[in-house]
Amino acid sequence: VQLVESGGGLVQPGGSLRLSCAASGFTFSSYGMSWYRQASGKEREMVAYITSGGSRTTYADSGKGRVTISRDNAKNTVYLQMNSLKLEDTAVYYCNVLRGYNYWGQGSQVTVSS
């Protein structure tokens, strides 16, 4: 299993970013996918989840209305669109799949700063 995140960077408050996670090594379309984040000095927390077919999504309260998770099963990729970014969204964002074991990507740094 390999998960490779991309799309992070530095953005001003109120800005937007779209993270991507390219998955390989398993049947992507058979598994729900999640995005987590971990801010410095804090525990890792779930941001969003999407079912294997993409029909259902779940969001943490911190991101509701600002964050959208989506997936393209033809491209084995899951996305996280983040709008109206806040300073407190600064964190390393991780892609995750639970396939008997929790698999994680290497993470993508998102920094929200003016």
N, C-alpha and C. Protein backbone atom coordinates (compact mmCIF):
# COMPACT_ATOMS: atom_id res chain seq x y z
N VAL A 1 0.85 -1.19 0.00
CA VAL A 1 0.00 0.00 0.00
C VAL A 1 0.88 1.24 0.00
N GLN A 2 0.57 2.14 -0.90
CA GLN A 2 1.30 3.40 -0.93
C GLN A 2 0.30 4.54 -1.10
N LEU A 3 0.47 5.55 -0.27
CA LEU A 3 -0.36 6.75 -0.33
C LEU A 3 0.56 7.94 -0.44
N VAL A 4 0.36 8.75 -1.46
CA VAL A 4 1.25 9.89 -1.69
C VAL A 4 0.42 11.16 -1.78
N GLU A 5 0.59 12.02 -0.78
CA GLU A 5 -0.15 13.29 -0.76
C GLU A 5 0.61 14.37 -1.52
N SER A 6 -0.14 15.31 -2.04
CA SER A 6 0.44 16.48 -2.70
C SER A 6 -0.56 17.63 -2.62
N GLY A 7 -0.07 18.83 -2.90
CA GLY A 7 -0.95 19.99 -2.97
C GLY A 7 -0.89 20.93 -1.80
N GLY A 8 -0.11 20.59 -0.78
CA GLY A 8 0.00 21.48 0.36
C GLY A 8 0.82 22.72 0.02
N GLY A 9 0.90 23.62 0.99
CA GLY A 9 1.69 24.81 0.78
C GLY A 9 1.30 25.92 1.73
N LEU A 10 1.75 27.11 1.40
CA LEU A 10 1.48 28.29 2.21
C LEU A 10 0.33 29.07 1.58
N VAL A 11 -0.65 29.41 2.40
CA VAL A 11 -1.81 30.13 1.89
C VAL A 11 -2.24 31.16 2.93
N GLN A 12 -2.79 32.25 2.47
CA GLN A 12 -3.27 33.28 3.38
C GLN A 12 -4.62 32.90 3.98
N PRO A 13 -4.93 33.43 5.14
CA PRO A 13 -6.27 33.18 5.71
C PRO A 13 -7.35 33.57 4.71
N GLY A 14 -8.36 32.70 4.62
CA GLY A 14 -9.43 32.91 3.66
C GLY A 14 -9.18 32.26 2.32
N GLY A 15 -7.99 31.78 2.12
CA GLY A 15 -7.64 31.16 0.84
C GLY A 15 -8.10 29.72 0.74
N SER A 16 -7.72 29.09 -0.38
CA SER A 16 -8.14 27.72 -0.66
C SER A 16 -6.95 26.87 -1.08
N LEU A 17 -7.08 25.59 -0.82
CA LEU A 17 -6.10 24.61 -1.29
C LEU A 17 -6.84 23.32 -1.62
N ARG A 18 -6.30 22.57 -2.56
CA ARG A 18 -6.81 21.24 -2.82
C ARG A 18 -5.67 20.23 -2.67
N LEU A 19 -5.85 19.33 -1.74
CA LEU A 19 -4.89 18.25 -1.54
C LEU A 19 -5.31 17.04 -2.36
N SER A 20 -4.32 16.32 -2.82
CA SER A 20 -4.56 15.07 -3.55
C SER A 20 -3.80 13.95 -2.86
N CYS A 21 -4.34 12.76 -2.98
CA CYS A 21 -3.67 11.57 -2.45
C CYS A 21 -3.77 10.48 -3.50
N ALA A 22 -2.64 10.12 -4.06
CA ALA A 22 -2.59 9.05 -5.05
C ALA A 22 -2.33 7.74 -4.34
N ALA A 23 -3.20 6.77 -4.56
CA ALA A 23 -3.12 5.49 -3.87
C ALA A 23 -2.70 4.38 -4.82
N SER A 24 -1.98 3.42 -4.29
CA SER A 24 -1.59 2.25 -5.09
C SER A 24 -1.35 1.07 -4.17
N GLY A 25 -1.34 -0.11 -4.75
CA GLY A 25 -1.03 -1.30 -3.98
C GLY A 25 -2.23 -2.01 -3.38
N PHE A 26 -3.41 -1.50 -3.66
CA PHE A 26 -4.63 -2.16 -3.20
C PHE A 26 -5.77 -1.74 -4.13
N THR A 27 -6.90 -2.41 -3.97
CA THR A 27 -8.05 -2.10 -4.82
C THR A 27 -8.74 -0.87 -4.26
N PHE A 28 -8.34 0.27 -4.78
CA PHE A 28 -8.76 1.56 -4.23
C PHE A 28 -10.27 1.68 -4.14
N SER A 29 -10.98 1.24 -5.16
CA SER A 29 -12.43 1.44 -5.22
C SER A 29 -13.20 0.60 -4.21
N SER A 30 -12.50 -0.25 -3.48
CA SER A 30 -13.15 -1.10 -2.49
C SER A 30 -13.06 -0.57 -1.07
N TYR A 31 -12.37 0.54 -0.88
CA TYR A 31 -12.11 1.02 0.47
C TYR A 31 -12.50 2.48 0.67
N GLY A 32 -13.09 2.73 1.85
CA GLY A 32 -13.28 4.11 2.26
C GLY A 32 -11.93 4.74 2.51
N MET A 33 -11.88 6.06 2.32
CA MET A 33 -10.64 6.80 2.49
C MET A 33 -10.87 7.97 3.43
N SER A 34 -9.82 8.34 4.14
CA SER A 34 -9.93 9.45 5.10
C SER A 34 -8.78 10.43 4.92
N TRP A 35 -9.05 11.63 5.36
CA TRP A 35 -8.00 12.64 5.55
C TRP A 35 -7.94 12.95 7.04
N TYR A 36 -6.72 12.99 7.54
CA TYR A 36 -6.46 13.39 8.92
C TYR A 36 -5.49 14.58 8.89
N ARG A 37 -5.37 15.23 10.02
CA ARG A 37 -4.38 16.27 10.14
C ARG A 37 -3.78 16.25 11.54
N GLN A 38 -2.56 16.76 11.62
CA GLN A 38 -1.88 16.84 12.91
C GLN A 38 -1.14 18.17 12.99
N ALA A 39 -1.62 19.01 13.89
CA ALA A 39 -0.95 20.28 14.14
C ALA A 39 0.19 20.05 15.12
N SER A 40 1.13 20.94 15.11
CA SER A 40 2.30 20.81 15.98
C SER A 40 1.87 20.75 17.44
N GLY A 41 2.32 19.70 18.13
CA GLY A 41 2.01 19.55 19.54
C GLY A 41 0.64 19.00 19.85
N LYS A 42 -0.09 18.63 18.82
CA LYS A 42 -1.45 18.12 19.02
C LYS A 42 -1.57 16.70 18.45
N GLU A 43 -2.64 16.04 18.86
CA GLU A 43 -2.90 14.70 18.36
C GLU A 43 -3.46 14.75 16.93
N ARG A 44 -3.24 13.67 16.22
CA ARG A 44 -3.79 13.55 14.88
C ARG A 44 -5.31 13.44 14.98
N GLU A 45 -6.02 14.15 14.11
CA GLU A 45 -7.48 14.14 14.14
C GLU A 45 -8.05 13.94 12.74
N MET A 46 -9.20 13.29 12.69
CA MET A 46 -9.85 13.05 11.42
C MET A 46 -10.45 14.35 10.89
N VAL A 47 -10.30 14.56 9.60
CA VAL A 47 -10.86 15.74 8.95
C VAL A 47 -12.09 15.37 8.13
N ALA A 48 -11.97 14.27 7.36
CA ALA A 48 -13.07 13.88 6.49
C ALA A 48 -12.92 12.42 6.09
N TYR A 49 -14.05 11.82 5.74
CA TYR A 49 -14.08 10.42 5.31
C TYR A 49 -15.03 10.30 4.13
N ILE A 50 -14.68 9.39 3.22
CA ILE A 50 -15.56 9.13 2.08
C ILE A 50 -15.65 7.63 1.87
N THR A 51 -16.85 7.16 1.58
CA THR A 51 -17.04 5.73 1.36
C THR A 51 -16.40 5.29 0.05
N SER A 52 -16.32 3.98 -0.13
CA SER A 52 -15.60 3.44 -1.27
C SER A 52 -16.14 3.93 -2.61
N GLY A 53 -17.46 4.05 -2.70
CA GLY A 53 -18.05 4.50 -3.95
C GLY A 53 -18.23 6.00 -4.04
N GLY A 54 -17.95 6.68 -2.95
CA GLY A 54 -18.05 8.13 -2.94
C GLY A 54 -19.43 8.69 -2.65
N SER A 55 -20.37 7.81 -2.30
CA SER A 55 -21.74 8.29 -2.13
C SER A 55 -21.98 8.96 -0.79
N ARG A 56 -21.15 8.64 0.19
CA ARG A 56 -21.34 9.21 1.52
C ARG A 56 -20.05 9.79 2.04
N THR A 57 -20.19 10.93 2.72
CA THR A 57 -19.04 11.60 3.30
C THR A 57 -19.34 11.98 4.74
N THR A 58 -18.30 12.11 5.51
CA THR A 58 -18.39 12.53 6.91
C THR A 58 -17.31 13.57 7.16
N TYR A 59 -17.67 14.59 7.94
CA TYR A 59 -16.73 15.66 8.21
C TYR A 59 -16.63 15.93 9.71
N ALA A 60 -15.45 16.29 10.14
CA ALA A 60 -15.28 16.79 11.49
C ALA A 60 -15.95 18.16 11.58
N ASP A 61 -16.39 18.50 12.77
CA ASP A 61 -17.07 19.79 12.95
C ASP A 61 -16.20 20.96 12.53
N SER A 62 -14.91 20.82 12.71
CA SER A 62 -13.99 21.93 12.41
C SER A 62 -13.98 22.29 10.93
N GLY A 63 -14.37 21.34 10.07
CA GLY A 63 -14.30 21.60 8.64
C GLY A 63 -15.63 21.70 7.93
N LYS A 64 -16.72 21.44 8.63
CA LYS A 64 -18.03 21.43 7.97
C LYS A 64 -18.31 22.77 7.31
N GLY A 65 -18.73 22.69 6.05
CA GLY A 65 -19.03 23.88 5.29
C GLY A 65 -17.83 24.49 4.60
N ARG A 66 -16.63 24.07 4.96
CA ARG A 66 -15.41 24.61 4.36
C ARG A 66 -14.60 23.56 3.63
N VAL A 67 -14.85 22.31 3.94
CA VAL A 67 -14.02 21.21 3.42
C VAL A 67 -14.90 20.24 2.63
N THR A 68 -14.36 19.77 1.53
CA THR A 68 -15.05 18.77 0.72
C THR A 68 -14.09 17.66 0.35
N ILE A 69 -14.47 16.44 0.68
CA ILE A 69 -13.69 15.28 0.27
C ILE A 69 -14.35 14.66 -0.96
N SER A 70 -13.54 14.21 -1.88
CA SER A 70 -14.06 13.57 -3.08
C SER A 70 -13.04 12.54 -3.54
N ARG A 71 -13.44 11.73 -4.50
CA ARG A 71 -12.52 10.71 -5.00
C ARG A 71 -12.80 10.44 -6.46
N ASP A 72 -11.77 9.97 -7.13
CA ASP A 72 -11.87 9.54 -8.52
C ASP A 72 -11.33 8.12 -8.56
N ASN A 73 -12.22 7.15 -8.58
CA ASN A 73 -11.78 5.76 -8.53
C ASN A 73 -11.05 5.33 -9.81
N ALA A 74 -11.29 6.03 -10.89
CA ALA A 74 -10.58 5.72 -12.13
C ALA A 74 -9.11 6.14 -12.04
N LYS A 75 -8.85 7.13 -11.20
CA LYS A 75 -7.48 7.64 -11.03
C LYS A 75 -6.85 7.20 -9.72
N ASN A 76 -7.57 6.41 -8.93
CA ASN A 76 -7.06 5.96 -7.62
C ASN A 76 -6.60 7.15 -6.78
N THR A 77 -7.41 8.17 -6.76
CA THR A 77 -7.03 9.40 -6.08
C THR A 77 -8.19 9.93 -5.24
N VAL A 78 -7.85 10.40 -4.05
CA VAL A 78 -8.81 11.05 -3.19
C VAL A 78 -8.35 12.50 -2.99
N TYR A 79 -9.31 13.40 -2.89
CA TYR A 79 -9.02 14.82 -2.82
C TYR A 79 -9.60 15.43 -1.55
N LEU A 80 -9.00 16.53 -1.15
CA LEU A 80 -9.55 17.32 -0.06
C LEU A 80 -9.50 18.79 -0.48
N GLN A 81 -10.67 19.33 -0.77
CA GLN A 81 -10.78 20.75 -1.11
C GLN A 81 -11.05 21.53 0.16
N MET A 82 -10.20 22.50 0.43
CA MET A 82 -10.34 23.30 1.65
C MET A 82 -10.50 24.77 1.26
N ASN A 83 -11.57 25.36 1.71
CA ASN A 83 -11.85 26.76 1.43
C ASN A 83 -11.91 27.55 2.74
N SER A 84 -11.87 28.86 2.61
CA SER A 84 -11.96 29.75 3.78
C SER A 84 -11.00 29.29 4.88
N LEU A 85 -9.77 29.05 4.49
CA LEU A 85 -8.80 28.50 5.44
C LEU A 85 -8.52 29.47 6.57
N LYS A 86 -8.32 28.89 7.76
CA LYS A 86 -8.06 29.66 8.97
C LYS A 86 -6.66 29.34 9.49
N LEU A 87 -6.16 30.21 10.34
CA LEU A 87 -4.84 29.97 10.93
C LEU A 87 -4.78 28.61 11.60
N GLU A 88 -5.87 28.23 12.24
CA GLU A 88 -5.88 26.96 12.98
C GLU A 88 -5.96 25.73 12.08
N ASP A 89 -6.07 25.93 10.78
CA ASP A 89 -6.01 24.80 9.84
C ASP A 89 -4.57 24.39 9.54
N THR A 90 -3.62 25.16 10.03
CA THR A 90 -2.21 24.83 9.82
C THR A 90 -1.89 23.48 10.45
N ALA A 91 -1.39 22.56 9.64
CA ALA A 91 -1.12 21.20 10.10
C ALA A 91 -0.49 20.41 8.97
N VAL A 92 -0.02 19.23 9.32
CA VAL A 92 0.35 18.25 8.31
C VAL A 92 -0.88 17.40 8.04
N TYR A 93 -1.25 17.29 6.78
CA TYR A 93 -2.44 16.55 6.39
C TYR A 93 -2.04 15.19 5.82
N TYR A 94 -2.72 14.16 6.32
CA TYR A 94 -2.39 12.79 5.95
C TYR A 94 -3.58 12.10 5.30
N CYS A 95 -3.28 11.33 4.30
CA CYS A 95 -4.25 10.44 3.68
C CYS A 95 -4.21 9.11 4.43
N ASN A 96 -5.35 8.46 4.56
CA ASN A 96 -5.42 7.22 5.34
C ASN A 96 -6.37 6.22 4.72
N VAL A 97 -5.97 4.95 4.80
CA VAL A 97 -6.88 3.86 4.48
C VAL A 97 -6.74 2.80 5.56
N LEU A 98 -7.88 2.29 6.00
CA LEU A 98 -7.90 1.20 6.97
C LEU A 98 -8.14 -0.08 6.21
N ARG A 99 -7.10 -0.87 6.10
CA ARG A 99 -7.16 -2.11 5.33
C ARG A 99 -6.55 -3.20 6.21
N GLY A 100 -7.27 -3.48 7.30
CA GLY A 100 -6.73 -4.41 8.28
C GLY A 100 -5.75 -3.73 9.20
N TYR A 101 -5.14 -2.74 8.71
CA TYR A 101 -4.11 -1.94 9.39
C TYR A 101 -4.27 -0.53 8.87
N ASN A 102 -3.94 0.43 9.72
CA ASN A 102 -4.00 1.82 9.27
C ASN A 102 -2.77 2.17 8.44
N TYR A 103 -3.02 2.51 7.19
CA TYR A 103 -1.92 2.95 6.33
C TYR A 103 -1.99 4.47 6.18
N TRP A 104 -0.81 5.09 6.18
CA TRP A 104 -0.71 6.54 6.11
C TRP A 104 0.23 6.96 5.00
N GLY A 105 -0.06 8.12 4.44
CA GLY A 105 0.89 8.72 3.53
C GLY A 105 1.97 9.45 4.32
N GLN A 106 2.86 10.12 3.60
CA GLN A 106 3.96 10.82 4.26
C GLN A 106 3.54 12.18 4.81
N GLY A 107 2.38 12.63 4.39
CA GLY A 107 1.87 13.91 4.87
C GLY A 107 2.19 15.06 3.95
N SER A 108 1.34 16.07 4.00
CA SER A 108 1.52 17.29 3.21
C SER A 108 1.29 18.48 4.12
N GLN A 109 2.28 19.34 4.19
CA GLN A 109 2.20 20.50 5.09
C GLN A 109 1.28 21.57 4.51
N VAL A 110 0.35 22.00 5.33
CA VAL A 110 -0.50 23.15 4.98
C VAL A 110 -0.25 24.22 6.03
N THR A 111 0.17 25.37 5.58
CA THR A 111 0.44 26.48 6.47
C THR A 111 -0.44 27.66 6.08
N VAL A 112 -1.25 28.10 7.03
CA VAL A 112 -2.12 29.25 6.80
C VAL A 112 -1.54 30.42 7.59
N SER A 113 -1.11 31.42 6.87
CA SER A 113 -0.43 32.54 7.52
C SER A 113 -0.54 33.78 6.66
N SER A 114 -0.62 34.92 7.32
CA SER A 114 -0.65 36.19 6.60
C SER A 114 0.76 36.76 6.49
